[in-house]
Amino acid sequence: MERARFAYQVAEKRRLIKQYKMERERQQKLEEQEEIKRLRKELIPKAQLMPYFDRPFVPRRSEKQPTVPREPKFCIPRHKTIRCCRMSCNDMSGPSQLQHLPSSVEKTEALYKNRGLQ
């Protein structure tokens, strides 16, 4: 007897849960349909007023100050220079600055002379 009553209670509980789920789904569908109806109603194109062309458009003078031109910076900051180069564009003012840099041939000759290979 007790087992039958327990089975009946479990079945009743499952039926109520199923009924609750179905009711909730039905309510959700109704809400979605109402939302769709409302959105469709909002999307109906409505006429807009024509702008007035009877008076001419006169632009107002701006109250902002005009921009002040600045000279562009053509030099590269020291931290952005290539690491293998010893001089940045700030250091190089002309061809006289390049004279103190030894060429690759001079470097090679100096290496050979130091090692006694020449």
PDB file of N, CA and C in Angstrom:
ATOM      1  N   MET A   1       0.810  -1.193   0.000  1.00  0.00           N
ATOM      2  CA  MET A   1       0.000   0.000   0.000  1.00  0.00           C
ATOM      3  C   MET A   1       0.862   1.270   0.000  1.00  0.00           C
ATOM      4  N   GLU A   2       1.869   1.253   0.859  1.00  0.00           N
ATOM      5  CA  GLU A   2       2.714   2.435   0.952  1.00  0.00           C
ATOM      6  C   GLU A   2       3.490   2.674  -0.350  1.00  0.00           C
ATOM      7  N   ARG A   3       3.947   1.608  -0.970  1.00  0.00           N
ATOM      8  CA  ARG A   3       4.678   1.726  -2.233  1.00  0.00           C
ATOM      9  C   ARG A   3       3.779   2.310  -3.320  1.00  0.00           C
ATOM     10  N   ALA A   4       2.529   1.910  -3.369  1.00  0.00           N
ATOM     11  CA  ALA A   4       1.586   2.405  -4.376  1.00  0.00           C
ATOM     12  C   ALA A   4       1.330   3.896  -4.159  1.00  0.00           C
ATOM     13  N   ARG A   5       1.182   4.303  -2.897  1.00  0.00           N
ATOM     14  CA  ARG A   5       0.954   5.717  -2.594  1.00  0.00           C
ATOM     15  C   ARG A   5       2.185   6.551  -2.986  1.00  0.00           C
ATOM     16  N   PHE A   6       3.413   6.021  -2.712  1.00  0.00           N
ATOM     17  CA  PHE A   6       4.639   6.732  -3.085  1.00  0.00           C
ATOM     18  C   PHE A   6       4.742   6.872  -4.610  1.00  0.00           C
ATOM     19  N   ALA A   7       4.444   5.796  -5.345  1.00  0.00           N
ATOM     20  CA  ALA A   7       4.488   5.834  -6.804  1.00  0.00           C
ATOM     21  C   ALA A   7       3.474   6.852  -7.331  1.00  0.00           C
ATOM     22  N   TYR A   8       2.275   6.885  -6.687  1.00  0.00           N
ATOM     23  CA  TYR A   8       1.245   7.851  -7.109  1.00  0.00           C
ATOM     24  C   TYR A   8       1.734   9.287  -6.868  1.00  0.00           C
ATOM     25  N   GLN A   9       2.378   9.541  -5.735  1.00  0.00           N
ATOM     26  CA  GLN A   9       2.888  10.886  -5.430  1.00  0.00           C
ATOM     27  C   GLN A   9       3.992  11.297  -6.428  1.00  0.00           C
ATOM     28  N   VAL A  10       4.878  10.355  -6.761  1.00  0.00           N
ATOM     29  CA  VAL A  10       5.941  10.645  -7.719  1.00  0.00           C
ATOM     30  C   VAL A  10       5.335  10.950  -9.092  1.00  0.00           C
ATOM     31  N   ALA A  11       4.357  10.160  -9.511  1.00  0.00           N
ATOM     32  CA  ALA A  11       3.705  10.380 -10.812  1.00  0.00           C
ATOM     33  C   ALA A  11       2.986  11.720 -10.819  1.00  0.00           C
ATOM     34  N   GLU A  12       2.315  12.044  -9.734  1.00  0.00           N
ATOM     35  CA  GLU A  12       1.598  13.330  -9.630  1.00  0.00           C
ATOM     36  C   GLU A  12       2.599  14.501  -9.696  1.00  0.00           C
ATOM     37  N   LYS A  13       3.714  14.353  -9.012  1.00  0.00           N
ATOM     38  CA  LYS A  13       4.729  15.400  -9.017  1.00  0.00           C
ATOM     39  C   LYS A  13       5.292  15.600 -10.427  1.00  0.00           C
ATOM     40  N   ARG A  14       5.594  14.518 -11.132  1.00  0.00           N
ATOM     41  CA  ARG A  14       6.098  14.607 -12.507  1.00  0.00           C
ATOM     42  C   ARG A  14       5.064  15.251 -13.427  1.00  0.00           C
ATOM     43  N   ARG A  15       3.792  14.906 -13.233  1.00  0.00           N
ATOM     44  CA  ARG A  15       2.740  15.486 -14.053  1.00  0.00           C
ATOM     45  C   ARG A  15       2.638  16.994 -13.819  1.00  0.00           C
ATOM     46  N   LEU A  16       2.738  17.416 -12.542  1.00  0.00           N
ATOM     47  CA  LEU A  16       2.688  18.847 -12.231  1.00  0.00           C
ATOM     48  C   LEU A  16       3.888  19.603 -12.825  1.00  0.00           C
ATOM     49  N   ILE A  17       5.071  18.982 -12.757  1.00  0.00           N
ATOM     50  CA  ILE A  17       6.265  19.616 -13.325  1.00  0.00           C
ATOM     51  C   ILE A  17       6.110  19.758 -14.839  1.00  0.00           C
ATOM     52  N   LYS A  18       5.607  18.705 -15.476  1.00  0.00           N
ATOM     53  CA  LYS A  18       5.404  18.751 -16.916  1.00  0.00           C
ATOM     54  C   LYS A  18       4.371  19.815 -17.288  1.00  0.00           C
ATOM     55  N   GLN A  19       3.308  19.887 -16.500  1.00  0.00           N
ATOM     56  CA  GLN A  19       2.272  20.887 -16.752  1.00  0.00           C
ATOM     57  C   GLN A  19       2.829  22.311 -16.554  1.00  0.00           C
ATOM     58  N   TYR A  20       3.665  22.482 -15.534  1.00  0.00           N
ATOM     59  CA  TYR A  20       4.273  23.784 -15.272  1.00  0.00           C
ATOM     60  C   TYR A  20       5.182  24.192 -16.431  1.00  0.00           C
ATOM     61  N   LYS A  21       5.984  23.239 -16.942  1.00  0.00           N
ATOM     62  CA  LYS A  21       6.868  23.531 -18.067  1.00  0.00           C
ATOM     63  C   LYS A  21       6.072  23.923 -19.307  1.00  0.00           C
ATOM     64  N   MET A  22       5.002  23.192 -19.568  1.00  0.00           N
ATOM     65  CA  MET A  22       4.176  23.501 -20.742  1.00  0.00           C
ATOM     66  C   MET A  22       3.551  24.884 -20.613  1.00  0.00           C
ATOM     67  N   GLU A  23       3.090  25.225 -19.427  1.00  0.00           N
ATOM     68  CA  GLU A  23       2.483  26.545 -19.195  1.00  0.00           C
ATOM     69  C   GLU A  23       3.530  27.656 -19.370  1.00  0.00           C
ATOM     70  N   ARG A  24       4.714  27.407 -18.866  1.00  0.00           N
ATOM     71  CA  ARG A  24       5.779  28.399 -18.997  1.00  0.00           C
ATOM     72  C   ARG A  24       6.163  28.597 -20.468  1.00  0.00           C
ATOM     73  N   GLU A  25       6.266  27.517 -21.237  1.00  0.00           N
ATOM     74  CA  GLU A  25       6.570  27.615 -22.665  1.00  0.00           C
ATOM     75  C   GLU A  25       5.463  28.369 -23.410  1.00  0.00           C
ATOM     76  N   ARG A  26       4.212  28.100 -23.041  1.00  0.00           N
ATOM     77  CA  ARG A  26       3.090  28.790 -23.679  1.00  0.00           C
ATOM     78  C   ARG A  26       3.145  30.289 -23.386  1.00  0.00           C
ATOM     79  N   GLN A  27       3.455  30.650 -22.142  1.00  0.00           N
ATOM     80  CA  GLN A  27       3.577  32.065 -21.778  1.00  0.00           C
ATOM     81  C   GLN A  27       4.734  32.726 -22.542  1.00  0.00           C
ATOM     82  N   GLN A  28       5.829  32.012 -22.670  1.00  0.00           N
ATOM     83  CA  GLN A  28       6.981  32.544 -23.378  1.00  0.00           C
ATOM     84  C   GLN A  28       6.644  32.774 -24.853  1.00  0.00           C
ATOM     85  N   LYS A  29       5.932  31.842 -25.471  1.00  0.00           N
ATOM     86  CA  LYS A  29       5.526  32.019 -26.871  1.00  0.00           C
ATOM     87  C   LYS A  29       4.616  33.229 -27.028  1.00  0.00           C
ATOM     88  N   LEU A  30       3.684  33.401 -26.095  1.00  0.00           N
ATOM     89  CA  LEU A  30       2.783  34.560 -26.161  1.00  0.00           C
ATOM     90  C   LEU A  30       3.562  35.868 -26.033  1.00  0.00           C
ATOM     91  N   GLU A  31       4.521  35.900 -25.125  1.00  0.00           N
ATOM     92  CA  GLU A  31       5.340  37.109 -24.955  1.00  0.00           C
ATOM     93  C   GLU A  31       6.135  37.405 -26.221  1.00  0.00           C
ATOM     94  N   GLU A  32       6.690  36.371 -26.842  1.00  0.00           N
ATOM     95  CA  GLU A  32       7.446  36.576 -28.076  1.00  0.00           C
ATOM     96  C   GLU A  32       6.546  37.101 -29.187  1.00  0.00           C
ATOM     97  N   GLN A  33       5.338  36.557 -29.285  1.00  0.00           N
ATOM     98  CA  GLN A  33       4.404  37.022 -30.310  1.00  0.00           C
ATOM     99  C   GLN A  33       4.015  38.478 -30.074  1.00  0.00           C
ATOM    100  N   GLU A  34       3.804  38.852 -28.821  1.00  0.00           N
ATOM    101  CA  GLU A  34       3.472  40.241 -28.508  1.00  0.00           C
ATOM    102  C   GLU A  34       4.648  41.167 -28.848  1.00  0.00           C
ATOM    103  N   GLU A  35       5.844  40.706 -28.568  1.00  0.00           N
ATOM    104  CA  GLU A  35       7.041  41.495 -28.895  1.00  0.00           C
ATOM    105  C   GLU A  35       7.168  41.679 -30.405  1.00  0.00           C
ATOM    106  N   ILE A  36       6.910  40.611 -31.158  1.00  0.00           N
ATOM    107  CA  ILE A  36       6.965  40.697 -32.619  1.00  0.00           C
ATOM    108  C   ILE A  36       5.915  41.666 -33.140  1.00  0.00           C
ATOM    109  N   LYS A  37       4.720  41.617 -32.592  1.00  0.00           N
ATOM    110  CA  LYS A  37       3.660  42.546 -33.009  1.00  0.00           C
ATOM    111  C   LYS A  37       4.071  43.989 -32.718  1.00  0.00           C
ATOM    112  N   ARG A  38       4.633  44.214 -31.539  1.00  0.00           N
ATOM    113  CA  ARG A  38       5.033  45.567 -31.163  1.00  0.00           C
ATOM    114  C   ARG A  38       6.140  46.079 -32.083  1.00  0.00           C
ATOM    115  N   LEU A  39       7.134  45.226 -32.379  1.00  0.00           N
ATOM    116  CA  LEU A  39       8.222  45.630 -33.263  1.00  0.00           C
ATOM    117  C   LEU A  39       7.713  45.926 -34.673  1.00  0.00           C
ATOM    118  N   ARG A  40       6.797  45.105 -35.164  1.00  0.00           N
ATOM    119  CA  ARG A  40       6.240  45.354 -36.498  1.00  0.00           C
ATOM    120  C   ARG A  40       5.481  46.666 -36.545  1.00  0.00           C
ATOM    121  N   LYS A  41       4.798  46.968 -35.463  1.00  0.00           N
ATOM    122  CA  LYS A  41       4.052  48.221 -35.407  1.00  0.00           C
ATOM    123  C   LYS A  41       5.008  49.419 -35.420  1.00  0.00           C
ATOM    124  N   GLU A  42       6.143  49.288 -34.720  1.00  0.00           N
ATOM    125  CA  GLU A  42       7.127  50.371 -34.689  1.00  0.00           C
ATOM    126  C   GLU A  42       7.818  50.553 -36.036  1.00  0.00           C
ATOM    127  N   LEU A  43       7.945  49.482 -36.801  1.00  0.00           N
ATOM    128  CA  LEU A  43       8.668  49.551 -38.063  1.00  0.00           C
ATOM    129  C   LEU A  43       7.841  50.108 -39.212  1.00  0.00           C
ATOM    130  N   ILE A  44       6.610  50.421 -38.977  1.00  0.00           N
ATOM    131  CA  ILE A  44       5.789  51.012 -40.032  1.00  0.00           C
ATOM    132  C   ILE A  44       6.355  52.390 -40.345  1.00  0.00           C
ATOM    133  N   PRO A  45       6.686  52.648 -41.614  1.00  0.00           N
ATOM    134  CA  PRO A  45       7.253  53.959 -41.944  1.00  0.00           C
ATOM    135  C   PRO A  45       6.220  55.067 -41.751  1.00  0.00           C
ATOM    136  N   LYS A  46       6.696  56.142 -41.176  1.00  0.00           N
ATOM    137  CA  LYS A  46       5.815  57.277 -40.913  1.00  0.00           C
ATOM    138  C   LYS A  46       6.360  58.486 -41.654  1.00  0.00           C
ATOM    139  N   ALA A  47       5.483  59.336 -42.106  1.00  0.00           N
ATOM    140  CA  ALA A  47       5.888  60.527 -42.844  1.00  0.00           C
ATOM    141  C   ALA A  47       6.613  61.491 -41.923  1.00  0.00           C
ATOM    142  N   GLN A  48       7.649  62.129 -42.482  1.00  0.00           N
ATOM    143  CA  GLN A  48       8.391  63.126 -41.728  1.00  0.00           C
ATOM    144  C   GLN A  48       8.111  64.502 -42.312  1.00  0.00           C
ATOM    145  N   LEU A  49       8.212  65.494 -41.483  1.00  0.00           N
ATOM    146  CA  LEU A  49       7.945  66.845 -41.923  1.00  0.00           C
ATOM    147  C   LEU A  49       8.998  67.308 -42.921  1.00  0.00           C
ATOM    148  N   MET A  50       8.560  68.109 -43.877  1.00  0.00           N
ATOM    149  CA  MET A  50       9.485  68.681 -44.848  1.00  0.00           C
ATOM    150  C   MET A  50      10.272  69.795 -44.177  1.00  0.00           C
ATOM    151  N   PRO A  51      11.554  69.907 -44.478  1.00  0.00           N
ATOM    152  CA  PRO A  51      12.326  71.014 -43.901  1.00  0.00           C
ATOM    153  C   PRO A  51      11.889  72.339 -44.518  1.00  0.00           C
ATOM    154  N   TYR A  52      12.080  73.404 -43.767  1.00  0.00           N
ATOM    155  CA  TYR A  52      11.705  74.727 -44.247  1.00  0.00           C
ATOM    156  C   TYR A  52      12.827  75.278 -45.132  1.00  0.00           C
ATOM    157  N   PHE A  53      12.476  75.631 -46.364  1.00  0.00           N
ATOM    158  CA  PHE A  53      13.436  76.212 -47.290  1.00  0.00           C
ATOM    159  C   PHE A  53      13.132  77.686 -47.563  1.00  0.00           C
ATOM    160  N   ASP A  54      12.183  78.244 -46.835  1.00  0.00           N
ATOM    161  CA  ASP A  54      11.787  79.623 -47.108  1.00  0.00           C
ATOM    162  C   ASP A  54      12.801  80.636 -46.579  1.00  0.00           C
ATOM    163  N   ARG A  55      13.572  80.301 -45.571  1.00  0.00           N
ATOM    164  CA  ARG A  55      14.592  81.225 -45.083  1.00  0.00           C
ATOM    165  C   ARG A  55      15.976  80.632 -45.376  1.00  0.00           C
ATOM    166  N   PRO A  56      16.902  81.453 -45.824  1.00  0.00           N
ATOM    167  CA  PRO A  56      18.218  80.932 -46.197  1.00  0.00           C
ATOM    168  C   PRO A  56      19.015  80.502 -44.966  1.00  0.00           C
ATOM    169  N   PHE A  57      19.922  79.577 -45.194  1.00  0.00           N
ATOM    170  CA  PHE A  57      20.787  79.077 -44.128  1.00  0.00           C
ATOM    171  C   PHE A  57      22.012  79.974 -44.017  1.00  0.00           C
ATOM    172  N   VAL A  58      22.237  80.510 -42.851  1.00  0.00           N
ATOM    173  CA  VAL A  58      23.401  81.358 -42.601  1.00  0.00           C
ATOM    174  C   VAL A  58      24.212  80.701 -41.490  1.00  0.00           C
ATOM    175  N   PRO A  59      25.400  80.198 -41.827  1.00  0.00           N
ATOM    176  CA  PRO A  59      26.187  79.539 -40.782  1.00  0.00           C
ATOM    177  C   PRO A  59      26.709  80.537 -39.757  1.00  0.00           C
ATOM    178  N   ARG A  60      26.781  80.093 -38.523  1.00  0.00           N
ATOM    179  CA  ARG A  60      27.295  80.952 -37.454  1.00  0.00           C
ATOM    180  C   ARG A  60      28.809  80.883 -37.407  1.00  0.00           C
ATOM    181  N   ARG A  61      29.390  81.937 -36.942  1.00  0.00           N
ATOM    182  CA  ARG A  61      30.834  81.996 -36.774  1.00  0.00           C
ATOM    183  C   ARG A  61      31.219  81.106 -35.581  1.00  0.00           C
ATOM    184  N   SER A  62      32.258  80.322 -35.733  1.00  0.00           N
ATOM    185  CA  SER A  62      32.686  79.430 -34.666  1.00  0.00           C
ATOM    186  C   SER A  62      33.325  80.221 -33.538  1.00  0.00           C
ATOM    187  N   GLU A  63      33.082  79.764 -32.323  1.00  0.00           N
ATOM    188  CA  GLU A  63      33.680  80.430 -31.166  1.00  0.00           C
ATOM    189  C   GLU A  63      35.007  79.801 -30.779  1.00  0.00           C
ATOM    190  N   LYS A  64      35.395  78.722 -31.427  1.00  0.00           N
ATOM    191  CA  LYS A  64      36.669  78.070 -31.120  1.00  0.00           C
ATOM    192  C   LYS A  64      37.814  78.866 -31.720  1.00  0.00           C
ATOM    193  N   GLN A  65      38.951  78.774 -31.055  1.00  0.00           N
ATOM    194  CA  GLN A  65      40.159  79.426 -31.562  1.00  0.00           C
ATOM    195  C   GLN A  65      40.708  78.601 -32.728  1.00  0.00           C
ATOM    196  N   PRO A  66      41.271  79.257 -33.744  1.00  0.00           N
ATOM    197  CA  PRO A  66      41.862  78.480 -34.837  1.00  0.00           C
ATOM    198  C   PRO A  66      43.082  77.708 -34.354  1.00  0.00           C
ATOM    199  N   THR A  67      43.375  76.623 -35.030  1.00  0.00           N
ATOM    200  CA  THR A  67      44.514  75.804 -34.624  1.00  0.00           C
ATOM    201  C   THR A  67      45.818  76.504 -34.955  1.00  0.00           C
ATOM    202  N   VAL A  68      46.804  76.274 -34.121  1.00  0.00           N
ATOM    203  CA  VAL A  68      48.118  76.883 -34.308  1.00  0.00           C
ATOM    204  C   VAL A  68      49.001  75.857 -35.008  1.00  0.00           C
ATOM    205  N   PRO A  69      49.561  76.204 -36.175  1.00  0.00           N
ATOM    206  CA  PRO A  69      50.393  75.222 -36.880  1.00  0.00           C
ATOM    207  C   PRO A  69      51.708  74.991 -36.143  1.00  0.00           C
ATOM    208  N   ARG A  70      52.181  73.733 -36.193  1.00  0.00           N
ATOM    209  CA  ARG A  70      53.453  73.378 -35.568  1.00  0.00           C
ATOM    210  C   ARG A  70      54.374  72.785 -36.627  1.00  0.00           C
ATOM    211  N   GLU A  71      55.658  72.933 -36.393  1.00  0.00           N
ATOM    212  CA  GLU A  71      56.634  72.343 -37.288  1.00  0.00           C
ATOM    213  C   GLU A  71      56.647  70.828 -37.065  1.00  0.00           C
ATOM    214  N   PRO A  72      56.715  70.045 -38.139  1.00  0.00           N
ATOM    215  CA  PRO A  72      56.772  68.588 -37.958  1.00  0.00           C
ATOM    216  C   PRO A  72      58.136  68.158 -37.429  1.00  0.00           C
ATOM    217  N   LYS A  73      58.147  67.061 -36.686  1.00  0.00           N
ATOM    218  CA  LYS A  73      59.401  66.516 -36.155  1.00  0.00           C
ATOM    219  C   LYS A  73      59.847  65.395 -37.088  1.00  0.00           C
ATOM    220  N   PHE A  74      60.935  65.651 -37.805  1.00  0.00           N
ATOM    221  CA  PHE A  74      61.423  64.669 -38.753  1.00  0.00           C
ATOM    222  C   PHE A  74      62.489  63.749 -38.169  1.00  0.00           C
ATOM    223  N   CYS A  75      62.957  64.012 -36.970  1.00  0.00           N
ATOM    224  CA  CYS A  75      63.993  63.162 -36.396  1.00  0.00           C
ATOM    225  C   CYS A  75      63.346  62.015 -35.624  1.00  0.00           C
ATOM    226  N   ILE A  76      64.078  60.929 -35.528  1.00  0.00           N
ATOM    227  CA  ILE A  76      63.610  59.740 -34.838  1.00  0.00           C
ATOM    228  C   ILE A  76      64.123  59.810 -33.407  1.00  0.00           C
ATOM    229  N   PRO A  77      63.280  59.544 -32.417  1.00  0.00           N
ATOM    230  CA  PRO A  77      63.759  59.555 -31.028  1.00  0.00           C
ATOM    231  C   PRO A  77      64.864  58.517 -30.831  1.00  0.00           C
ATOM    232  N   ARG A  78      65.727  58.765 -29.874  1.00  0.00           N
ATOM    233  CA  ARG A  78      66.894  57.922 -29.639  1.00  0.00           C
ATOM    234  C   ARG A  78      66.508  56.481 -29.308  1.00  0.00           C
ATOM    235  N   HIS A  79      65.418  56.280 -28.590  1.00  0.00           N
ATOM    236  CA  HIS A  79      65.041  54.919 -28.206  1.00  0.00           C
ATOM    237  C   HIS A  79      64.434  54.135 -29.369  1.00  0.00           C
ATOM    238  N   LYS A  80      64.127  54.806 -30.494  1.00  0.00           N
ATOM    239  CA  LYS A  80      63.553  54.102 -31.634  1.00  0.00           C
ATOM    240  C   LYS A  80      64.564  53.886 -32.762  1.00  0.00           C
ATOM    241  N   THR A  81      65.810  54.261 -32.557  1.00  0.00           N
ATOM    242  CA  THR A  81      66.805  54.088 -33.595  1.00  0.00           C
ATOM    243  C   THR A  81      67.238  52.644 -33.663  1.00  0.00           C
ATOM    244  N   ILE A  82      67.836  52.274 -34.778  1.00  0.00           N
ATOM    245  CA  ILE A  82      68.320  50.910 -34.959  1.00  0.00           C
ATOM    246  C   ILE A  82      69.532  50.719 -34.052  1.00  0.00           C
ATOM    247  N   ARG A  83      69.595  49.585 -33.392  1.00  0.00           N
ATOM    248  CA  ARG A  83      70.629  49.352 -32.386  1.00  0.00           C
ATOM    249  C   ARG A  83      72.030  49.247 -32.995  1.00  0.00           C
ATOM    250  N   CYS A  84      72.147  48.741 -34.228  1.00  0.00           N
ATOM    251  CA  CYS A  84      73.475  48.549 -34.797  1.00  0.00           C
ATOM    252  C   CYS A  84      74.100  49.870 -35.219  1.00  0.00           C
ATOM    253  N   CYS A  85      73.305  50.868 -35.427  1.00  0.00           N
ATOM    254  CA  CYS A  85      73.813  52.171 -35.839  1.00  0.00           C
ATOM    255  C   CYS A  85      74.217  52.953 -34.593  1.00  0.00           C
ATOM    256  N   ARG A  86      75.424  53.523 -34.580  1.00  0.00           N
ATOM    257  CA  ARG A  86      75.920  54.237 -33.418  1.00  0.00           C
ATOM    258  C   ARG A  86      75.411  55.671 -33.360  1.00  0.00           C
ATOM    259  N   MET A  87      74.928  56.175 -34.485  1.00  0.00           N
ATOM    260  CA  MET A  87      74.515  57.576 -34.530  1.00  0.00           C
ATOM    261  C   MET A  87      73.040  57.654 -34.918  1.00  0.00           C
ATOM    262  N   SER A  88      72.328  58.547 -34.304  1.00  0.00           N
ATOM    263  CA  SER A  88      70.943  58.771 -34.687  1.00  0.00           C
ATOM    264  C   SER A  88      70.895  59.937 -35.648  1.00  0.00           C
ATOM    265  N   CYS A  89      69.732  60.235 -36.172  1.00  0.00           N
ATOM    266  CA  CYS A  89      69.618  61.338 -37.117  1.00  0.00           C
ATOM    267  C   CYS A  89      69.863  62.672 -36.417  1.00  0.00           C
ATOM    268  N   ASN A  90      69.708  62.709 -35.098  1.00  0.00           N
ATOM    269  CA  ASN A  90      69.994  63.949 -34.372  1.00  0.00           C
ATOM    270  C   ASN A  90      71.491  64.242 -34.367  1.00  0.00           C
ATOM    271  N   ASP A  91      72.331  63.180 -34.335  1.00  0.00           N
ATOM    272  CA  ASP A  91      73.771  63.357 -34.281  1.00  0.00           C
ATOM    273  C   ASP A  91      74.354  63.728 -35.637  1.00  0.00           C
ATOM    274  N   MET A  92      73.716  63.309 -36.702  1.00  0.00           N
ATOM    275  CA  MET A  92      74.243  63.543 -38.041  1.00  0.00           C
ATOM    276  C   MET A  92      73.768  64.898 -38.549  1.00  0.00           C
ATOM    277  N   SER A  93      74.663  65.826 -38.647  1.00  0.00           N
ATOM    278  CA  SER A  93      74.274  67.135 -39.152  1.00  0.00           C
ATOM    279  C   SER A  93      74.738  67.330 -40.583  1.00  0.00           C
ATOM    280  N   GLY A  94      75.668  66.524 -41.072  1.00  0.00           N
ATOM    281  CA  GLY A  94      76.151  66.661 -42.434  1.00  0.00           C
ATOM    282  C   GLY A  94      77.152  65.585 -42.764  1.00  0.00           C
ATOM    283  N   PRO A  95      77.766  65.675 -43.969  1.00  0.00           N
ATOM    284  CA  PRO A  95      78.710  64.632 -44.381  1.00  0.00           C
ATOM    285  C   PRO A  95      79.986  64.635 -43.554  1.00  0.00           C
ATOM    286  N   SER A  96      80.317  65.761 -42.906  1.00  0.00           N
ATOM    287  CA  SER A  96      81.529  65.800 -42.094  1.00  0.00           C
ATOM    288  C   SER A  96      81.427  64.853 -40.905  1.00  0.00           C
ATOM    289  N   GLN A  97      80.215  64.577 -40.459  1.00  0.00           N
ATOM    290  CA  GLN A  97      80.022  63.667 -39.337  1.00  0.00           C
ATOM    291  C   GLN A  97      80.327  62.235 -39.743  1.00  0.00           C
ATOM    292  N   LEU A  98      80.150  61.904 -41.016  1.00  0.00           N
ATOM    293  CA  LEU A  98      80.349  60.532 -41.455  1.00  0.00           C
ATOM    294  C   LEU A  98      81.828  60.203 -41.665  1.00  0.00           C
ATOM    295  N   GLN A  99      82.704  61.198 -41.713  1.00  0.00           N
ATOM    296  CA  GLN A  99      84.102  60.948 -42.008  1.00  0.00           C
ATOM    297  C   GLN A  99      84.804  60.187 -40.885  1.00  0.00           C
ATOM    298  N   HIS A 100      84.358  60.380 -39.651  1.00  0.00           N
ATOM    299  CA  HIS A 100      85.052  59.714 -38.557  1.00  0.00           C
ATOM    300  C   HIS A 100      84.669  58.248 -38.429  1.00  0.00           C
ATOM    301  N   LEU A 101      83.627  57.784 -39.151  1.00  0.00           N
ATOM    302  CA  LEU A 101      83.248  56.380 -39.114  1.00  0.00           C
ATOM    303  C   LEU A 101      84.152  55.595 -40.061  1.00  0.00           C
ATOM    304  N   PRO A 102      84.819  54.542 -39.596  1.00  0.00           N
ATOM    305  CA  PRO A 102      85.672  53.762 -40.486  1.00  0.00           C
ATOM    306  C   PRO A 102      84.818  52.914 -41.425  1.00  0.00           C
ATOM    307  N   SER A 103      85.252  52.766 -42.641  1.00  0.00           N
ATOM    308  CA  SER A 103      84.524  51.931 -43.598  1.00  0.00           C
ATOM    309  C   SER A 103      84.805  50.479 -43.287  1.00  0.00           C
ATOM    310  N   SER A 104      84.088  49.586 -43.935  1.00  0.00           N
ATOM    311  CA  SER A 104      84.270  48.156 -43.677  1.00  0.00           C
ATOM    312  C   SER A 104      85.648  47.693 -44.136  1.00  0.00           C
ATOM    313  N   VAL A 105      86.175  48.297 -45.223  1.00  0.00           N
ATOM    314  CA  VAL A 105      87.512  47.932 -45.697  1.00  0.00           C
ATOM    315  C   VAL A 105      88.556  48.334 -44.660  1.00  0.00           C
ATOM    316  N   GLU A 106      88.407  49.547 -44.104  1.00  0.00           N
ATOM    317  CA  GLU A 106      89.356  50.015 -43.095  1.00  0.00           C
ATOM    318  C   GLU A 106      89.303  49.136 -41.850  1.00  0.00           C
ATOM    319  N   LYS A 107      88.105  48.709 -41.488  1.00  0.00           N
ATOM    320  CA  LYS A 107      87.956  47.830 -40.320  1.00  0.00           C
ATOM    321  C   LYS A 107      88.676  46.513 -40.566  1.00  0.00           C
ATOM    322  N   THR A 108      88.487  45.943 -41.766  1.00  0.00           N
ATOM    323  CA  THR A 108      89.109  44.665 -42.080  1.00  0.00           C
ATOM    324  C   THR A 108      90.629  44.800 -42.081  1.00  0.00           C
ATOM    325  N   GLU A 109      91.146  45.873 -42.680  1.00  0.00           N
ATOM    326  CA  GLU A 109      92.592  46.095 -42.699  1.00  0.00           C
ATOM    327  C   GLU A 109      93.148  46.233 -41.283  1.00  0.00           C
ATOM    328  N   ALA A 110      92.417  46.934 -40.420  1.00  0.00           N
ATOM    329  CA  ALA A 110      92.871  47.104 -39.039  1.00  0.00           C
ATOM    330  C   ALA A 110      92.888  45.765 -38.317  1.00  0.00           C
ATOM    331  N   LEU A 111      91.910  44.928 -38.580  1.00  0.00           N
ATOM    332  CA  LEU A 111      91.858  43.590 -37.968  1.00  0.00           C
ATOM    333  C   LEU A 111      93.078  42.781 -38.387  1.00  0.00           C
ATOM    334  N   TYR A 112      93.360  42.751 -39.696  1.00  0.00           N
ATOM    335  CA  TYR A 112      94.507  41.986 -40.202  1.00  0.00           C
ATOM    336  C   TYR A 112      95.818  42.511 -39.631  1.00  0.00           C
ATOM    337  N   LYS A 113      95.922  43.841 -39.512  1.00  0.00           N
ATOM    338  CA  LYS A 113      97.163  44.441 -38.997  1.00  0.00           C
ATOM    339  C   LYS A 113      97.364  44.061 -37.535  1.00  0.00           C
ATOM    340  N   ASN A 114      96.283  44.073 -36.738  1.00  0.00           N
ATOM    341  CA  ASN A 114      96.389  43.717 -35.328  1.00  0.00           C
ATOM    342  C   ASN A 114      96.764  42.263 -35.140  1.00  0.00           C
ATOM    343  N   ARG A 115      96.294  41.391 -36.010  1.00  0.00           N
ATOM    344  CA  ARG A 115      96.584  39.965 -35.887  1.00  0.00           C
ATOM    345  C   ARG A 115      97.901  39.582 -36.564  1.00  0.00           C
ATOM    346  N   GLY A 116      98.481  40.525 -37.277  1.00  0.00           N
ATOM    347  CA  GLY A 116      99.750  40.247 -37.939  1.00  0.00           C
ATOM    348  C   GLY A 116      99.584  39.381 -39.178  1.00  0.00           C
ATOM    349  N   LEU A 117      98.419  39.430 -39.821  1.00  0.00           N
ATOM    350  CA  LEU A 117      98.169  38.581 -40.984  1.00  0.00           C
ATOM    351  C   LEU A 117      98.498  39.244 -42.298  1.00  0.00           C
ATOM    352  N   GLN A 118      98.841  40.488 -42.324  1.00  0.00           N
ATOM    353  CA  GLN A 118      99.030  41.178 -43.611  1.00  0.00           C
ATOM    354  C   GLN A 118     100.405  41.063 -44.114  1.00  0.00           C
TER     355      GLN A 118
END
